[in-house]
Amino acid sequence: MINLDKHLDRIQEIDPVTGTMIGLSAASLILSAVGLFKQHFTKGSRQCSDLADKERSLCMLRAKALAKKVEVAALKDGLRKCQKAKNSEQCKQKIQAKIKKVSSEVAYLNSRFADAKKRV
């Protein structure tokens, strides 16, 4: 489902100017995960465009929560890839902090979805 390797291949390419390997870093892994979130949220939100107002808002909340779950999965995959980074401990700490933040966003979106669904 998640193809983080495609994004990491671009990151790990050899820089033609300096001839050095562009190393893995927490920032590059996080940016890849955010890119996957945007991609999945865009796909999910397109499916909501034809719905009425209340259904559309529920659909958008669900799409955003699902896209955030994809981001968490990509970050967890990136956490395993931190072993290849120069400073693997710092990489792990940054990604774990981001996983915690995004997981709390998922929980918040799920609670908002449950509340909104009760009102509909």
C-alpha atoms as a PDB file:
ATOM      1  CA  MET A   1       0.000   0.000   0.000  1.00  0.00           C
ATOM      2  CA  ILE A   2       2.706   2.455   0.952  1.00  0.00           C
ATOM      3  CA  ASN A   3       5.684   2.738  -1.326  1.00  0.00           C
ATOM      4  CA  LEU A   4       8.116   4.797   0.683  1.00  0.00           C
ATOM      5  CA  ASP A   5      11.034   3.220  -1.155  1.00  0.00           C
ATOM      6  CA  LYS A   6      10.067   5.148  -4.302  1.00  0.00           C
ATOM      7  CA  HIS A   7      10.486   8.420  -2.424  1.00  0.00           C
ATOM      8  CA  LEU A   8      13.662   7.284  -0.690  1.00  0.00           C
ATOM      9  CA  ASP A   9      15.290   6.343  -3.977  1.00  0.00           C
ATOM     10  CA  ARG A  10      15.211   9.996  -4.961  1.00  0.00           C
ATOM     11  CA  ILE A  11      16.718  10.993  -1.633  1.00  0.00           C
ATOM     12  CA  GLN A  12      19.558   8.496  -1.826  1.00  0.00           C
ATOM     13  CA  GLU A  13      20.664   9.355  -5.338  1.00  0.00           C
ATOM     14  CA  ILE A  14      24.206  10.537  -5.897  1.00  0.00           C
ATOM     15  CA  ASP A  15      24.514  14.283  -6.200  1.00  0.00           C
ATOM     16  CA  PRO A  16      26.002  14.957  -9.654  1.00  0.00           C
ATOM     17  CA  VAL A  17      27.698  18.193  -8.572  1.00  0.00           C
ATOM     18  CA  THR A  18      29.654  16.937  -5.566  1.00  0.00           C
ATOM     19  CA  GLY A  19      29.626  13.218  -6.297  1.00  0.00           C
ATOM     20  CA  THR A  20      28.516  12.452  -2.762  1.00  0.00           C
ATOM     21  CA  MET A  21      25.612  10.391  -1.563  1.00  0.00           C
ATOM     22  CA  ILE A  22      22.715  12.401  -0.242  1.00  0.00           C
ATOM     23  CA  GLY A  23      22.150  10.741   3.110  1.00  0.00           C
ATOM     24  CA  LEU A  24      18.955   9.762   4.780  1.00  0.00           C
ATOM     25  CA  SER A  25      17.758  12.175   7.381  1.00  0.00           C
ATOM     26  CA  ALA A  26      14.713  12.486   9.566  1.00  0.00           C
ATOM     27  CA  ALA A  27      13.604  15.549   7.634  1.00  0.00           C
ATOM     28  CA  SER A  28      13.673  13.751   4.308  1.00  0.00           C
ATOM     29  CA  LEU A  29      11.756  10.790   5.739  1.00  0.00           C
ATOM     30  CA  ILE A  30       9.172  13.100   7.292  1.00  0.00           C
ATOM     31  CA  LEU A  31       8.771  15.042   4.046  1.00  0.00           C
ATOM     32  CA  SER A  32       8.198  11.794   2.184  1.00  0.00           C
ATOM     33  CA  ALA A  33       5.514  10.778   4.679  1.00  0.00           C
ATOM     34  CA  VAL A  34       3.831  14.182   4.411  1.00  0.00           C
ATOM     35  CA  GLY A  35       3.868  13.826   0.633  1.00  0.00           C
ATOM     36  CA  LEU A  36       2.092  10.490   0.941  1.00  0.00           C
ATOM     37  CA  PHE A  37      -0.469  12.104   3.269  1.00  0.00           C
ATOM     38  CA  LYS A  38      -1.185  14.831   0.725  1.00  0.00           C
ATOM     39  CA  GLN A  39      -1.490  12.313  -2.076  1.00  0.00           C
ATOM     40  CA  HIS A  40      -3.930  10.095  -0.184  1.00  0.00           C
ATOM     41  CA  PHE A  41      -5.946  13.017   1.184  1.00  0.00           C
ATOM     42  CA  THR A  42      -6.355  14.453  -2.308  1.00  0.00           C
ATOM     43  CA  LYS A  43      -7.604  11.112  -3.612  1.00  0.00           C
ATOM     44  CA  GLY A  44      -9.981  10.718  -0.681  1.00  0.00           C
ATOM     45  CA  SER A  45     -11.337  14.242  -0.870  1.00  0.00           C
ATOM     46  CA  ARG A  46     -12.145  13.872  -4.570  1.00  0.00           C
ATOM     47  CA  GLN A  47     -14.575  11.109  -3.664  1.00  0.00           C
ATOM     48  CA  CYS A  48     -16.391  13.517  -1.343  1.00  0.00           C
ATOM     49  CA  SER A  49     -17.007  16.244  -3.906  1.00  0.00           C
ATOM     50  CA  ASP A  50     -20.430  15.037  -5.085  1.00  0.00           C
ATOM     51  CA  LEU A  51     -21.951  14.603  -1.636  1.00  0.00           C
ATOM     52  CA  ALA A  52     -24.283  16.968   0.210  1.00  0.00           C
ATOM     53  CA  ASP A  53     -22.891  19.306   2.891  1.00  0.00           C
ATOM     54  CA  LYS A  54     -23.204  17.105   5.990  1.00  0.00           C
ATOM     55  CA  GLU A  55     -22.160  13.939   4.208  1.00  0.00           C
ATOM     56  CA  ARG A  56     -19.274  15.796   2.583  1.00  0.00           C
ATOM     57  CA  SER A  57     -17.953  16.992   5.932  1.00  0.00           C
ATOM     58  CA  LEU A  58     -18.107  13.438   7.302  1.00  0.00           C
ATOM     59  CA  CYS A  59     -16.415  12.109   4.192  1.00  0.00           C
ATOM     60  CA  MET A  60     -13.656  14.726   4.422  1.00  0.00           C
ATOM     61  CA  LEU A  61     -13.011  13.908   8.090  1.00  0.00           C
ATOM     62  CA  ARG A  62     -12.818  10.223   7.246  1.00  0.00           C
ATOM     63  CA  ALA A  63     -10.523  10.888   4.269  1.00  0.00           C
ATOM     64  CA  LYS A  64      -8.207  13.032   6.370  1.00  0.00           C
ATOM     65  CA  ALA A  65      -8.062  10.439   9.167  1.00  0.00           C
ATOM     66  CA  LEU A  66      -7.267   7.670   6.678  1.00  0.00           C
ATOM     67  CA  ALA A  67      -4.575   9.791   5.027  1.00  0.00           C
ATOM     68  CA  LYS A  68      -3.042  10.524   8.445  1.00  0.00           C
ATOM     69  CA  LYS A  69      -2.981   6.772   9.133  1.00  0.00           C
ATOM     70  CA  VAL A  70      -1.054   6.334   5.883  1.00  0.00           C
ATOM     71  CA  GLU A  71       1.361   9.031   7.070  1.00  0.00           C
ATOM     72  CA  VAL A  72       1.864   7.205  10.394  1.00  0.00           C
ATOM     73  CA  ALA A  73       2.530   3.945   8.552  1.00  0.00           C
ATOM     74  CA  ALA A  74       5.065   5.692   6.305  1.00  0.00           C
ATOM     75  CA  LEU A  75       6.760   7.234   9.336  1.00  0.00           C
ATOM     76  CA  LYS A  76       6.978   3.841  11.037  1.00  0.00           C
ATOM     77  CA  ASP A  77       8.531   2.454   7.877  1.00  0.00           C
ATOM     78  CA  GLY A  78      10.928   5.407   7.879  1.00  0.00           C
ATOM     79  CA  LEU A  79      11.827   4.640  11.476  1.00  0.00           C
ATOM     80  CA  ARG A  80      13.287   1.340  10.312  1.00  0.00           C
ATOM     81  CA  LYS A  81      15.215   3.174   7.605  1.00  0.00           C
ATOM     82  CA  CYS A  82      16.840   5.442  10.215  1.00  0.00           C
ATOM     83  CA  GLN A  83      19.364   2.696  10.854  1.00  0.00           C
ATOM     84  CA  LYS A  84      21.055   3.713   7.601  1.00  0.00           C
ATOM     85  CA  ALA A  85      21.314   7.370   8.632  1.00  0.00           C
ATOM     86  CA  LYS A  86      24.552   8.909   9.876  1.00  0.00           C
ATOM     87  CA  ASN A  87      23.029   9.911  13.215  1.00  0.00           C
ATOM     88  CA  SER A  88      20.485   7.138  13.665  1.00  0.00           C
ATOM     89  CA  GLU A  89      19.484   8.014  17.247  1.00  0.00           C
ATOM     90  CA  GLN A  90      18.653  11.610  16.393  1.00  0.00           C
ATOM     91  CA  CYS A  91      16.741  10.418  13.325  1.00  0.00           C
ATOM     92  CA  LYS A  92      14.726   7.961  15.429  1.00  0.00           C
ATOM     93  CA  GLN A  93      13.905  10.603  18.036  1.00  0.00           C
ATOM     94  CA  LYS A  94      12.642  13.097  15.454  1.00  0.00           C
ATOM     95  CA  ILE A  95      10.530  10.516  13.668  1.00  0.00           C
ATOM     96  CA  GLN A  96       9.106   9.151  16.926  1.00  0.00           C
ATOM     97  CA  ALA A  97       8.091  12.689  17.915  1.00  0.00           C
ATOM     98  CA  LYS A  98       6.377  13.138  14.544  1.00  0.00           C
ATOM     99  CA  ILE A  99       4.643   9.743  14.887  1.00  0.00           C
ATOM    100  CA  LYS A 100       3.332  10.786  18.298  1.00  0.00           C
ATOM    101  CA  LYS A 101       2.037  14.094  16.925  1.00  0.00           C
ATOM    102  CA  VAL A 102       0.349  12.540  13.876  1.00  0.00           C
ATOM    103  CA  SER A 103      -1.133   9.724  15.982  1.00  0.00           C
ATOM    104  CA  SER A 104      -2.738  12.288  18.271  1.00  0.00           C
ATOM    105  CA  GLU A 105      -4.132  14.041  15.180  1.00  0.00           C
ATOM    106  CA  VAL A 106      -5.613  10.723  14.025  1.00  0.00           C
ATOM    107  CA  ALA A 107      -7.254  10.214  17.426  1.00  0.00           C
ATOM    108  CA  TYR A 108      -8.650  13.761  17.339  1.00  0.00           C
ATOM    109  CA  LEU A 109     -10.019  13.320  13.806  1.00  0.00           C
ATOM    110  CA  ASN A 110     -11.611   9.999  14.755  1.00  0.00           C
ATOM    111  CA  SER A 111     -13.311  11.581  17.771  1.00  0.00           C
ATOM    112  CA  ARG A 112     -14.558  14.475  15.620  1.00  0.00           C
ATOM    113  CA  PHE A 113     -15.853  11.968  13.075  1.00  0.00           C
ATOM    114  CA  ALA A 114     -17.699  10.021  15.786  1.00  0.00           C
ATOM    115  CA  ASP A 115     -19.234  13.220  17.179  1.00  0.00           C
ATOM    116  CA  ALA A 116     -20.261  14.463  13.745  1.00  0.00           C
ATOM    117  CA  LYS A 117     -21.730  11.098  12.834  1.00  0.00           C
ATOM    118  CA  LYS A 118     -23.928  11.174  15.957  1.00  0.00           C
ATOM    119  CA  ARG A 119     -25.299  14.577  14.945  1.00  0.00           C
ATOM    120  CA  VAL A 120     -26.216  13.457  11.427  1.00  0.00           C
END
